[in-house]
Amino acid sequence: MLRVIEYAQRTDTGRQRPANEDSFVARSPLFAVADGMGGAQAGEVASRMAVEVLHEGLGGAGTDGTVAERLRDQVVEANHRIHERAQSDSRNAGMGTTLTAAFVDVRRLVVVHVGDSRLYRVRDGVLERLTRDHSLVEELVRQGRLTPEEAAEHPQRSIITRALGPESEVAVDSEVLRVEDGDLFMVCSDGLTAMLSDQRISDLL
């Protein structure tokens, strides 16, 4: 049985926006972050709904397969609820959110991911990004049209290609990862990664 020895959480509004639209849950065995988008308080509403729906559907989760299925199903359900709220309430029109979550189960980490929030792992002193951003610049990098260095400075680097809420259906990336003793994981929004390079994050961790 894998034990989570220590965990911490931190959120900060930062200097670029007047409000923080991130929501998160850090309650072992579930760790997740959602980064909302939309006018007024709509982004905060969307991100809060995402983590609440995700958390509420995991009571009594059992085997790895069951956890993976439940996580994926809850992300789909969160997308449905956020989309319905955006369609029915003009105050929340256009709202959406990213969602990246990790569930610690036995000696595995079950991961679900939509958007450009990220999951990192430090193993044997080496930082590795475990999720792929659903963003315009990430697609351009994958196509060989941008280098990672160019993507980091691109004026459209904040445009995401997948989120919960904008569409009635959403594709969810999911993966089950083997965990080793001493692994360190971090789930974060682009509020961190837009300000710090992976190298700087590695130095700090």
N, C-alpha and C. Protein backbone atom coordinates (compact mmCIF):
# COMPACT_ATOMS: atom_id res chain seq x y z
N MET A 1 0.84 -1.20 0.00
CA MET A 1 0.00 0.00 0.00
C MET A 1 0.88 1.25 0.00
N LEU A 2 0.59 2.15 -0.90
CA LEU A 2 1.34 3.40 -0.99
C LEU A 2 0.78 4.39 0.02
N ARG A 3 1.67 5.02 0.76
CA ARG A 3 1.26 6.05 1.70
C ARG A 3 1.74 7.41 1.20
N VAL A 4 0.86 8.39 1.29
CA VAL A 4 1.26 9.77 1.01
C VAL A 4 1.87 10.32 2.28
N ILE A 5 3.18 10.48 2.28
CA ILE A 5 3.88 10.86 3.50
C ILE A 5 3.60 12.31 3.88
N GLU A 6 3.61 13.18 2.90
CA GLU A 6 3.44 14.60 3.17
C GLU A 6 2.87 15.29 1.94
N TYR A 7 1.98 16.25 2.17
CA TYR A 7 1.49 17.05 1.05
C TYR A 7 1.19 18.47 1.51
N ALA A 8 1.18 19.37 0.56
CA ALA A 8 0.95 20.78 0.87
C ALA A 8 0.16 21.41 -0.26
N GLN A 9 -0.43 22.56 0.01
CA GLN A 9 -1.22 23.27 -0.99
C GLN A 9 -0.97 24.76 -0.87
N ARG A 10 -1.04 25.44 -2.00
CA ARG A 10 -0.81 26.89 -1.98
C ARG A 10 -1.49 27.50 -3.19
N THR A 11 -2.16 28.61 -2.99
CA THR A 11 -2.74 29.36 -4.10
C THR A 11 -2.48 30.84 -3.88
N ASP A 12 -2.32 31.57 -4.98
CA ASP A 12 -2.00 32.99 -4.89
C ASP A 12 -2.60 33.70 -6.11
N THR A 13 -3.15 34.87 -5.90
CA THR A 13 -3.76 35.61 -7.00
C THR A 13 -2.72 36.07 -8.02
N GLY A 14 -1.54 36.39 -7.56
CA GLY A 14 -0.50 36.85 -8.48
C GLY A 14 -0.66 38.32 -8.83
N ARG A 15 0.11 38.76 -9.83
CA ARG A 15 0.16 40.18 -10.16
C ARG A 15 -0.60 40.55 -11.42
N GLN A 16 -1.03 39.56 -12.20
CA GLN A 16 -1.59 39.86 -13.51
C GLN A 16 -3.11 40.00 -13.51
N ARG A 17 -3.79 39.36 -12.55
CA ARG A 17 -5.26 39.39 -12.55
C ARG A 17 -5.77 39.84 -11.19
N PRO A 18 -6.94 40.50 -11.17
CA PRO A 18 -7.49 40.98 -9.90
C PRO A 18 -8.07 39.87 -9.04
N ALA A 19 -8.39 38.72 -9.64
CA ALA A 19 -9.02 37.63 -8.89
C ALA A 19 -8.36 36.31 -9.25
N ASN A 20 -8.42 35.38 -8.32
CA ASN A 20 -7.89 34.04 -8.52
C ASN A 20 -9.04 33.13 -8.90
N GLU A 21 -8.97 32.54 -10.10
CA GLU A 21 -10.05 31.68 -10.57
C GLU A 21 -9.70 30.20 -10.45
N ASP A 22 -8.62 29.89 -9.72
CA ASP A 22 -8.25 28.50 -9.48
C ASP A 22 -9.08 27.92 -8.34
N SER A 23 -9.37 26.63 -8.44
CA SER A 23 -9.93 25.86 -7.33
C SER A 23 -9.12 24.58 -7.24
N PHE A 24 -9.07 24.01 -6.05
CA PHE A 24 -8.28 22.80 -5.90
C PHE A 24 -8.80 21.95 -4.76
N VAL A 25 -8.40 20.69 -4.79
CA VAL A 25 -8.63 19.79 -3.66
C VAL A 25 -7.31 19.09 -3.39
N ALA A 26 -6.89 19.10 -2.14
CA ALA A 26 -5.68 18.39 -1.71
C ALA A 26 -6.04 17.63 -0.45
N ARG A 27 -6.70 16.51 -0.67
CA ARG A 27 -7.20 15.69 0.43
C ARG A 27 -6.92 14.25 0.05
N SER A 28 -5.82 13.72 0.55
CA SER A 28 -5.39 12.38 0.17
C SER A 28 -6.56 11.39 0.29
N PRO A 29 -6.78 10.60 -0.78
CA PRO A 29 -5.89 10.29 -1.90
C PRO A 29 -6.11 11.11 -3.17
N LEU A 30 -6.94 12.18 -3.12
CA LEU A 30 -7.24 12.95 -4.33
C LEU A 30 -6.56 14.32 -4.29
N PHE A 31 -5.89 14.64 -5.40
CA PHE A 31 -5.24 15.93 -5.55
C PHE A 31 -5.59 16.47 -6.93
N ALA A 32 -6.15 17.67 -6.98
CA ALA A 32 -6.61 18.20 -8.26
C ALA A 32 -6.55 19.72 -8.26
N VAL A 33 -6.40 20.29 -9.46
CA VAL A 33 -6.46 21.73 -9.63
C VAL A 33 -7.27 22.04 -10.89
N ALA A 34 -8.08 23.08 -10.80
CA ALA A 34 -8.88 23.56 -11.94
C ALA A 34 -8.65 25.05 -12.07
N ASP A 35 -8.43 25.50 -13.29
CA ASP A 35 -8.15 26.91 -13.57
C ASP A 35 -9.28 27.46 -14.43
N GLY A 36 -10.13 28.28 -13.83
CA GLY A 36 -11.32 28.75 -14.51
C GLY A 36 -11.07 29.88 -15.48
N MET A 37 -12.03 30.04 -16.40
CA MET A 37 -11.96 31.13 -17.37
C MET A 37 -13.38 31.60 -17.63
N GLY A 38 -13.51 32.89 -17.94
CA GLY A 38 -14.83 33.46 -18.20
C GLY A 38 -14.95 34.82 -17.56
N GLY A 39 -15.96 35.58 -17.96
CA GLY A 39 -16.14 36.93 -17.45
C GLY A 39 -16.61 36.96 -16.01
N ALA A 40 -16.43 38.11 -15.36
CA ALA A 40 -16.85 38.34 -13.98
C ALA A 40 -16.35 37.21 -13.09
N GLN A 41 -17.26 36.54 -12.36
CA GLN A 41 -16.87 35.44 -11.48
C GLN A 41 -17.10 34.08 -12.12
N ALA A 42 -17.39 34.05 -13.41
CA ALA A 42 -17.77 32.79 -14.06
C ALA A 42 -16.66 31.76 -14.02
N GLY A 43 -15.42 32.18 -14.20
CA GLY A 43 -14.31 31.24 -14.17
C GLY A 43 -14.18 30.56 -12.83
N GLU A 44 -14.36 31.33 -11.77
CA GLU A 44 -14.30 30.76 -10.43
C GLU A 44 -15.43 29.77 -10.21
N VAL A 45 -16.61 30.08 -10.73
CA VAL A 45 -17.75 29.16 -10.63
C VAL A 45 -17.43 27.84 -11.33
N ALA A 46 -16.88 27.92 -12.53
CA ALA A 46 -16.58 26.72 -13.31
C ALA A 46 -15.53 25.86 -12.63
N SER A 47 -14.46 26.47 -12.14
CA SER A 47 -13.41 25.68 -11.51
C SER A 47 -13.89 25.04 -10.22
N ARG A 48 -14.70 25.76 -9.45
CA ARG A 48 -15.23 25.20 -8.21
C ARG A 48 -16.16 24.03 -8.50
N MET A 49 -17.01 24.17 -9.52
CA MET A 49 -17.89 23.07 -9.89
C MET A 49 -17.09 21.84 -10.29
N ALA A 50 -16.00 22.04 -11.03
CA ALA A 50 -15.20 20.91 -11.51
C ALA A 50 -14.64 20.09 -10.36
N VAL A 51 -14.02 20.75 -9.38
CA VAL A 51 -13.42 19.99 -8.29
C VAL A 51 -14.48 19.38 -7.38
N GLU A 52 -15.61 20.07 -7.21
CA GLU A 52 -16.68 19.53 -6.38
C GLU A 52 -17.29 18.28 -7.00
N VAL A 53 -17.56 18.32 -8.30
CA VAL A 53 -18.14 17.15 -8.98
C VAL A 53 -17.15 16.00 -8.97
N LEU A 54 -15.89 16.30 -9.19
CA LEU A 54 -14.86 15.25 -9.18
C LEU A 54 -14.81 14.57 -7.83
N HIS A 55 -14.80 15.35 -6.78
CA HIS A 55 -14.66 14.80 -5.43
C HIS A 55 -15.89 14.01 -5.00
N GLU A 56 -17.06 14.50 -5.34
CA GLU A 56 -18.29 13.86 -4.86
C GLU A 56 -18.50 12.48 -5.46
N GLY A 57 -17.90 12.20 -6.61
CA GLY A 57 -18.13 10.92 -7.27
C GLY A 57 -17.18 9.82 -6.89
N LEU A 58 -16.29 10.08 -5.92
CA LEU A 58 -15.25 9.09 -5.61
C LEU A 58 -15.47 8.36 -4.30
N GLY A 59 -16.58 8.57 -3.65
CA GLY A 59 -16.84 7.85 -2.42
C GLY A 59 -16.91 6.36 -2.65
N GLY A 60 -16.13 5.62 -1.89
CA GLY A 60 -16.16 4.16 -1.99
C GLY A 60 -15.42 3.60 -3.18
N ALA A 61 -14.53 4.39 -3.81
CA ALA A 61 -13.77 3.89 -4.96
C ALA A 61 -12.94 2.69 -4.55
N GLY A 62 -12.85 1.70 -5.43
CA GLY A 62 -12.18 0.45 -5.08
C GLY A 62 -10.94 0.18 -5.87
N THR A 63 -11.00 -0.69 -6.86
CA THR A 63 -9.83 -1.11 -7.59
C THR A 63 -9.35 -0.02 -8.53
N ASP A 64 -8.13 -0.25 -9.08
CA ASP A 64 -7.56 0.74 -10.00
C ASP A 64 -8.49 1.03 -11.16
N GLY A 65 -9.00 -0.04 -11.77
CA GLY A 65 -9.88 0.14 -12.91
C GLY A 65 -11.11 0.95 -12.54
N THR A 66 -11.69 0.66 -11.39
CA THR A 66 -12.87 1.39 -10.93
C THR A 66 -12.54 2.86 -10.70
N VAL A 67 -11.39 3.13 -10.08
CA VAL A 67 -10.99 4.51 -9.84
C VAL A 67 -10.84 5.26 -11.15
N ALA A 68 -10.15 4.65 -12.11
CA ALA A 68 -9.94 5.31 -13.40
C ALA A 68 -11.26 5.60 -14.09
N GLU A 69 -12.16 4.64 -14.06
CA GLU A 69 -13.46 4.83 -14.70
C GLU A 69 -14.26 5.92 -13.99
N ARG A 70 -14.25 5.90 -12.67
CA ARG A 70 -15.02 6.90 -11.92
C ARG A 70 -14.45 8.30 -12.13
N LEU A 71 -13.14 8.41 -12.11
CA LEU A 71 -12.54 9.71 -12.35
C LEU A 71 -12.95 10.26 -13.72
N ARG A 72 -12.82 9.42 -14.73
CA ARG A 72 -13.15 9.84 -16.09
C ARG A 72 -14.63 10.21 -16.18
N ASP A 73 -15.48 9.38 -15.58
CA ASP A 73 -16.92 9.66 -15.61
C ASP A 73 -17.25 10.98 -14.91
N GLN A 74 -16.57 11.25 -13.80
CA GLN A 74 -16.85 12.49 -13.08
C GLN A 74 -16.37 13.71 -13.84
N VAL A 75 -15.29 13.59 -14.59
CA VAL A 75 -14.85 14.72 -15.42
C VAL A 75 -15.89 14.99 -16.51
N VAL A 76 -16.40 13.93 -17.11
CA VAL A 76 -17.45 14.09 -18.13
C VAL A 76 -18.69 14.72 -17.51
N GLU A 77 -19.04 14.28 -16.30
CA GLU A 77 -20.20 14.85 -15.61
C GLU A 77 -19.97 16.33 -15.27
N ALA A 78 -18.76 16.66 -14.84
CA ALA A 78 -18.45 18.06 -14.56
C ALA A 78 -18.59 18.91 -15.81
N ASN A 79 -18.12 18.39 -16.93
CA ASN A 79 -18.26 19.13 -18.18
C ASN A 79 -19.73 19.37 -18.50
N HIS A 80 -20.54 18.35 -18.31
CA HIS A 80 -21.98 18.47 -18.59
C HIS A 80 -22.61 19.56 -17.72
N ARG A 81 -22.32 19.54 -16.42
CA ARG A 81 -22.93 20.51 -15.51
C ARG A 81 -22.46 21.94 -15.80
N ILE A 82 -21.18 22.09 -16.06
CA ILE A 82 -20.65 23.43 -16.35
C ILE A 82 -21.24 23.96 -17.65
N HIS A 83 -21.32 23.10 -18.65
CA HIS A 83 -21.89 23.51 -19.94
C HIS A 83 -23.35 23.91 -19.77
N GLU A 84 -24.11 23.11 -19.02
CA GLU A 84 -25.52 23.43 -18.80
C GLU A 84 -25.68 24.74 -18.05
N ARG A 85 -24.86 24.97 -17.04
CA ARG A 85 -24.94 26.23 -16.29
C ARG A 85 -24.62 27.42 -17.20
N ALA A 86 -23.60 27.27 -18.03
CA ALA A 86 -23.22 28.36 -18.94
C ALA A 86 -24.32 28.67 -19.94
N GLN A 87 -25.03 27.62 -20.38
CA GLN A 87 -26.09 27.82 -21.36
C GLN A 87 -27.34 28.42 -20.74
N SER A 88 -27.59 28.14 -19.47
CA SER A 88 -28.85 28.55 -18.85
C SER A 88 -28.77 29.86 -18.07
N ASP A 89 -27.56 30.32 -17.78
CA ASP A 89 -27.39 31.52 -16.96
C ASP A 89 -26.46 32.49 -17.69
N SER A 90 -26.99 33.61 -18.13
CA SER A 90 -26.20 34.55 -18.93
C SER A 90 -25.01 35.10 -18.16
N ARG A 91 -25.09 35.11 -16.83
CA ARG A 91 -23.97 35.60 -16.04
C ARG A 91 -22.75 34.69 -16.16
N ASN A 92 -23.00 33.43 -16.52
CA ASN A 92 -21.92 32.46 -16.64
C ASN A 92 -21.65 32.05 -18.08
N ALA A 93 -22.19 32.80 -19.02
CA ALA A 93 -22.00 32.46 -20.43
C ALA A 93 -20.51 32.44 -20.78
N GLY A 94 -20.11 31.39 -21.50
CA GLY A 94 -18.73 31.28 -21.95
C GLY A 94 -17.75 30.78 -20.92
N MET A 95 -18.23 30.39 -19.75
CA MET A 95 -17.29 29.96 -18.72
C MET A 95 -16.76 28.56 -19.03
N GLY A 96 -15.61 28.28 -18.48
CA GLY A 96 -14.99 26.97 -18.63
C GLY A 96 -13.85 26.83 -17.64
N THR A 97 -13.21 25.68 -17.66
CA THR A 97 -12.10 25.45 -16.74
C THR A 97 -11.23 24.31 -17.21
N THR A 98 -9.98 24.37 -16.85
CA THR A 98 -9.11 23.21 -16.99
C THR A 98 -9.36 22.29 -15.81
N LEU A 99 -8.85 21.08 -15.86
CA LEU A 99 -8.89 20.18 -14.71
C LEU A 99 -7.80 19.14 -14.86
N THR A 100 -6.94 19.06 -13.87
CA THR A 100 -5.92 18.02 -13.82
C THR A 100 -5.98 17.41 -12.43
N ALA A 101 -6.11 16.09 -12.38
CA ALA A 101 -6.30 15.41 -11.09
C ALA A 101 -5.48 14.14 -11.02
N ALA A 102 -5.05 13.82 -9.81
CA ALA A 102 -4.30 12.59 -9.55
C ALA A 102 -4.88 11.92 -8.32
N PHE A 103 -5.17 10.63 -8.44
CA PHE A 103 -5.73 9.84 -7.34
C PHE A 103 -4.71 8.76 -6.98
N VAL A 104 -4.28 8.75 -5.71
CA VAL A 104 -3.29 7.77 -5.26
C VAL A 104 -4.02 6.50 -4.85
N ASP A 105 -3.70 5.39 -5.52
CA ASP A 105 -4.41 4.13 -5.26
C ASP A 105 -3.40 2.99 -5.26
N VAL A 106 -3.26 2.34 -4.09
CA VAL A 106 -2.30 1.25 -3.90
C VAL A 106 -0.91 1.78 -4.29
N ARG A 107 -0.27 1.23 -5.33
CA ARG A 107 1.03 1.74 -5.77
C ARG A 107 0.94 2.38 -7.15
N ARG A 108 -0.20 2.94 -7.44
CA ARG A 108 -0.40 3.59 -8.73
C ARG A 108 -1.00 4.97 -8.55
N LEU A 109 -0.80 5.78 -9.56
CA LEU A 109 -1.39 7.11 -9.59
C LEU A 109 -2.30 7.17 -10.80
N VAL A 110 -3.59 7.39 -10.55
CA VAL A 110 -4.57 7.48 -11.63
C VAL A 110 -4.74 8.97 -11.98
N VAL A 111 -4.52 9.30 -13.25
CA VAL A 111 -4.47 10.70 -13.68
C VAL A 111 -5.55 10.97 -14.71
N VAL A 112 -6.26 12.09 -14.56
CA VAL A 112 -7.17 12.59 -15.60
C VAL A 112 -6.80 14.04 -15.87
N HIS A 113 -7.01 14.46 -17.13
CA HIS A 113 -6.45 15.75 -17.52
C HIS A 113 -7.20 16.35 -18.70
N VAL A 114 -7.58 17.63 -18.55
CA VAL A 114 -8.17 18.43 -19.63
C VAL A 114 -7.63 19.85 -19.49
N GLY A 115 -7.02 20.39 -20.55
CA GLY A 115 -6.56 21.77 -20.52
C GLY A 115 -5.06 21.91 -20.38
N ASP A 116 -4.62 23.00 -19.75
CA ASP A 116 -3.18 23.25 -19.65
C ASP A 116 -2.67 23.38 -18.22
N SER A 117 -3.46 22.95 -17.24
CA SER A 117 -2.87 22.72 -15.93
C SER A 117 -1.99 21.48 -16.05
N ARG A 118 -1.10 21.27 -15.10
CA ARG A 118 -0.09 20.23 -15.30
C ARG A 118 0.12 19.35 -14.07
N LEU A 119 0.61 18.15 -14.35
CA LEU A 119 1.10 17.24 -13.32
C LEU A 119 2.58 16.99 -13.59
N TYR A 120 3.39 17.20 -12.56
CA TYR A 120 4.82 16.94 -12.64
C TYR A 120 5.20 15.83 -11.66
N ARG A 121 6.32 15.16 -11.98
CA ARG A 121 6.90 14.19 -11.05
C ARG A 121 8.39 14.46 -10.93
N VAL A 122 8.89 14.37 -9.71
CA VAL A 122 10.33 14.37 -9.48
C VAL A 122 10.71 12.98 -9.01
N ARG A 123 11.56 12.32 -9.78
CA ARG A 123 12.05 10.98 -9.43
C ARG A 123 13.57 10.97 -9.57
N ASP A 124 14.24 10.58 -8.51
CA ASP A 124 15.71 10.55 -8.51
C ASP A 124 16.29 11.91 -8.92
N GLY A 125 15.64 12.97 -8.47
CA GLY A 125 16.15 14.31 -8.72
C GLY A 125 15.84 14.89 -10.08
N VAL A 126 15.07 14.16 -10.90
CA VAL A 126 14.77 14.60 -12.26
C VAL A 126 13.30 14.98 -12.37
N LEU A 127 13.02 16.21 -12.83
CA LEU A 127 11.65 16.68 -13.02
C LEU A 127 11.13 16.24 -14.38
N GLU A 128 9.91 15.69 -14.40
CA GLU A 128 9.29 15.28 -15.65
C GLU A 128 7.84 15.74 -15.68
N ARG A 129 7.43 16.33 -16.79
CA ARG A 129 6.02 16.70 -16.96
C ARG A 129 5.26 15.48 -17.44
N LEU A 130 4.18 15.12 -16.75
CA LEU A 130 3.44 13.90 -17.05
C LEU A 130 2.18 14.14 -17.87
N THR A 131 1.79 15.38 -18.05
CA THR A 131 0.60 15.69 -18.85
C THR A 131 1.00 16.52 -20.07
N ARG A 132 0.17 16.47 -21.08
CA ARG A 132 0.39 17.25 -22.30
C ARG A 132 -0.63 18.38 -22.34
N ASP A 133 -0.13 19.60 -22.49
CA ASP A 133 -1.03 20.75 -22.55
C ASP A 133 -1.95 20.65 -23.76
N HIS A 134 -3.22 20.91 -23.54
CA HIS A 134 -4.17 21.04 -24.65
C HIS A 134 -4.23 22.52 -25.01
N SER A 135 -3.21 22.95 -25.75
CA SER A 135 -3.07 24.37 -26.08
C SER A 135 -2.61 24.53 -27.51
N LEU A 136 -2.82 25.72 -28.04
CA LEU A 136 -2.43 26.01 -29.41
C LEU A 136 -0.93 25.84 -29.60
N VAL A 137 -0.14 26.41 -28.70
CA VAL A 137 1.31 26.35 -28.90
C VAL A 137 1.85 24.93 -28.73
N GLU A 138 1.22 24.14 -27.85
CA GLU A 138 1.65 22.75 -27.70
C GLU A 138 1.44 21.98 -29.00
N GLU A 139 0.31 22.23 -29.65
CA GLU A 139 0.05 21.57 -30.93
C GLU A 139 1.08 22.00 -31.98
N LEU A 140 1.44 23.27 -31.98
CA LEU A 140 2.43 23.75 -32.93
C LEU A 140 3.81 23.15 -32.66
N VAL A 141 4.13 22.94 -31.39
CA VAL A 141 5.39 22.27 -31.05
C VAL A 141 5.38 20.83 -31.53
N ARG A 142 4.26 20.14 -31.31
CA ARG A 142 4.15 18.75 -31.74
C ARG A 142 4.25 18.62 -33.26
N GLN A 143 3.78 19.64 -33.97
CA GLN A 143 3.86 19.64 -35.44
C GLN A 143 5.22 20.10 -35.96
N GLY A 144 6.10 20.49 -35.06
CA GLY A 144 7.41 20.96 -35.46
C GLY A 144 7.44 22.38 -35.97
N ARG A 145 6.37 23.13 -35.74
CA ARG A 145 6.28 24.50 -36.25
C ARG A 145 6.78 25.53 -35.24
N LEU A 146 6.95 25.11 -33.99
CA LEU A 146 7.53 25.95 -32.96
C LEU A 146 8.49 25.12 -32.13
N THR A 147 9.53 25.75 -31.61
CA THR A 147 10.36 25.09 -30.61
C THR A 147 9.74 25.33 -29.24
N PRO A 148 10.07 24.51 -28.23
CA PRO A 148 9.55 24.78 -26.89
C PRO A 148 9.92 26.17 -26.39
N GLU A 149 11.10 26.64 -26.76
CA GLU A 149 11.53 27.98 -26.34
C GLU A 149 10.66 29.06 -26.99
N GLU A 150 10.34 28.87 -28.26
CA GLU A 150 9.47 29.83 -28.95
C GLU A 150 8.06 29.79 -28.38
N ALA A 151 7.59 28.59 -28.04
CA ALA A 151 6.25 28.45 -27.47
C ALA A 151 6.12 29.20 -26.15
N ALA A 152 7.18 29.18 -25.36
CA ALA A 152 7.15 29.83 -24.04
C ALA A 152 6.98 31.34 -24.15
N GLU A 153 7.35 31.91 -25.28
CA GLU A 153 7.26 33.36 -25.47
C GLU A 153 6.18 33.76 -26.46
N HIS A 154 5.45 32.79 -26.99
CA HIS A 154 4.48 33.06 -28.06
C HIS A 154 3.31 33.91 -27.53
N PRO A 155 2.86 34.91 -28.29
CA PRO A 155 1.76 35.76 -27.81
C PRO A 155 0.44 35.02 -27.61
N GLN A 156 0.28 33.84 -28.23
CA GLN A 156 -0.96 33.07 -28.09
C GLN A 156 -0.77 31.84 -27.20
N ARG A 157 0.22 31.89 -26.33
CA ARG A 157 0.53 30.72 -25.50
C ARG A 157 -0.57 30.40 -24.48
N SER A 158 -1.44 31.35 -24.21
CA SER A 158 -2.50 31.11 -23.22
C SER A 158 -3.77 30.52 -23.83
N ILE A 159 -3.81 30.35 -25.15
CA ILE A 159 -5.01 29.82 -25.81
C ILE A 159 -5.05 28.30 -25.65
N ILE A 160 -6.11 27.79 -25.03
CA ILE A 160 -6.22 26.35 -24.86
C ILE A 160 -7.21 25.78 -25.87
N THR A 161 -7.00 24.53 -26.22
CA THR A 161 -7.82 23.88 -27.24
C THR A 161 -8.82 22.90 -26.65
N ARG A 162 -8.76 22.71 -25.34
CA ARG A 162 -9.70 21.79 -24.70
C ARG A 162 -9.95 22.26 -23.27
N ALA A 163 -11.21 22.27 -22.86
CA ALA A 163 -11.58 22.69 -21.51
C ALA A 163 -12.93 22.10 -21.16
N LEU A 164 -13.26 22.14 -19.87
CA LEU A 164 -14.59 21.73 -19.43
C LEU A 164 -15.53 22.92 -19.56
N GLY A 165 -16.67 22.71 -20.19
CA GLY A 165 -17.69 23.74 -20.25
C GLY A 165 -18.04 24.30 -21.61
N PRO A 166 -17.06 24.66 -22.44
CA PRO A 166 -17.42 25.31 -23.71
C PRO A 166 -18.24 24.44 -24.65
N GLU A 167 -18.01 23.14 -24.63
CA GLU A 167 -18.73 22.23 -25.52
C GLU A 167 -19.52 21.21 -24.70
N SER A 168 -20.52 20.60 -25.33
CA SER A 168 -21.36 19.63 -24.62
C SER A 168 -20.62 18.32 -24.35
N GLU A 169 -19.58 18.04 -25.11
CA GLU A 169 -18.77 16.84 -24.90
C GLU A 169 -17.31 17.24 -24.82
N VAL A 170 -16.53 16.43 -24.10
CA VAL A 170 -15.11 16.73 -23.96
C VAL A 170 -14.31 15.42 -23.97
N ALA A 171 -13.15 15.46 -24.59
CA ALA A 171 -12.23 14.32 -24.55
C ALA A 171 -11.36 14.45 -23.31
N VAL A 172 -11.23 13.35 -22.57
CA VAL A 172 -10.48 13.35 -21.32
C VAL A 172 -9.25 12.47 -21.46
N ASP A 173 -8.07 13.03 -21.23
CA ASP A 173 -6.86 12.22 -21.18
C ASP A 173 -6.83 11.50 -19.84
N SER A 174 -6.49 10.22 -19.84
CA SER A 174 -6.37 9.48 -18.59
C SER A 174 -5.22 8.50 -18.68
N GLU A 175 -4.61 8.23 -17.54
CA GLU A 175 -3.45 7.36 -17.50
C GLU A 175 -3.30 6.80 -16.10
N VAL A 176 -2.76 5.59 -16.00
CA VAL A 176 -2.43 4.99 -14.71
C VAL A 176 -0.92 4.81 -14.66
N LEU A 177 -0.29 5.43 -13.67
CA LEU A 177 1.17 5.45 -13.57
C LEU A 177 1.65 4.66 -12.36
N ARG A 178 2.75 3.96 -12.54
CA ARG A 178 3.39 3.26 -11.44
C ARG A 178 4.11 4.27 -10.55
N VAL A 179 3.97 4.11 -9.24
CA VAL A 179 4.61 5.01 -8.28
C VAL A 179 5.73 4.28 -7.56
N GLU A 180 6.83 4.96 -7.36
CA GLU A 180 7.96 4.41 -6.64
C GLU A 180 8.20 5.19 -5.35
N ASP A 181 8.80 4.53 -4.36
CA ASP A 181 9.13 5.20 -3.11
C ASP A 181 9.99 6.42 -3.39
N GLY A 182 9.66 7.52 -2.76
CA GLY A 182 10.43 8.74 -2.93
C GLY A 182 9.95 9.65 -4.03
N ASP A 183 8.98 9.21 -4.82
CA ASP A 183 8.44 10.08 -5.87
C ASP A 183 7.79 11.32 -5.26
N LEU A 184 7.98 12.44 -5.93
CA LEU A 184 7.34 13.70 -5.55
C LEU A 184 6.48 14.17 -6.72
N PHE A 185 5.22 14.46 -6.45
CA PHE A 185 4.30 14.91 -7.51
C PHE A 185 3.81 16.32 -7.21
N MET A 186 3.56 17.07 -8.26
CA MET A 186 2.99 18.42 -8.12
C MET A 186 1.94 18.64 -9.19
N VAL A 187 0.75 19.06 -8.77
CA VAL A 187 -0.31 19.47 -9.68
C VAL A 187 -0.40 20.99 -9.59
N CYS A 188 -0.43 21.66 -10.75
CA CYS A 188 -0.43 23.12 -10.72
C CYS A 188 -1.15 23.69 -11.94
N SER A 189 -1.56 24.94 -11.82
CA SER A 189 -2.17 25.65 -12.95
C SER A 189 -1.10 26.44 -13.69
N ASP A 190 -1.50 27.09 -14.78
CA ASP A 190 -0.52 27.87 -15.54
C ASP A 190 -0.16 29.18 -14.85
N GLY A 191 -0.81 29.45 -13.72
CA GLY A 191 -0.37 30.58 -12.92
C GLY A 191 1.06 30.41 -12.45
N LEU A 192 1.48 29.15 -12.28
CA LEU A 192 2.86 28.85 -11.94
C LEU A 192 3.73 28.69 -13.18
N THR A 193 3.26 27.86 -14.10
CA THR A 193 4.12 27.51 -15.24
C THR A 193 4.29 28.64 -16.24
N ALA A 194 3.37 29.61 -16.23
CA ALA A 194 3.54 30.77 -17.10
C ALA A 194 4.61 31.72 -16.57
N MET A 195 4.92 31.58 -15.28
CA MET A 195 5.89 32.48 -14.66
C MET A 195 7.26 31.84 -14.47
N LEU A 196 7.28 30.51 -14.31
CA LEU A 196 8.53 29.81 -14.03
C LEU A 196 8.78 28.73 -15.07
N SER A 197 10.00 28.61 -15.53
CA SER A 197 10.37 27.54 -16.45
C SER A 197 10.43 26.22 -15.70
N ASP A 198 10.40 25.11 -16.45
CA ASP A 198 10.53 23.81 -15.83
C ASP A 198 11.85 23.70 -15.07
N GLN A 199 12.91 24.29 -15.61
CA GLN A 199 14.20 24.26 -14.92
C GLN A 199 14.13 24.97 -13.58
N ARG A 200 13.45 26.11 -13.55
CA ARG A 200 13.34 26.85 -12.29
C ARG A 200 12.48 26.08 -11.30
N ILE A 201 11.40 25.46 -11.78
CA ILE A 201 10.56 24.64 -10.91
C ILE A 201 11.37 23.50 -10.33
N SER A 202 12.18 22.86 -11.18
CA SER A 202 13.03 21.76 -10.72
C SER A 202 13.99 22.23 -9.64
N ASP A 203 14.58 23.40 -9.84
CA ASP A 203 15.52 23.93 -8.85
C ASP A 203 14.83 24.16 -7.50
N LEU A 204 13.59 24.64 -7.54
CA LEU A 204 12.87 24.94 -6.31
C LEU A 204 12.40 23.69 -5.60
N LEU A 205 12.04 22.66 -6.37
CA LEU A 205 11.57 21.42 -5.77
C LEU A 205 12.73 20.59 -5.23
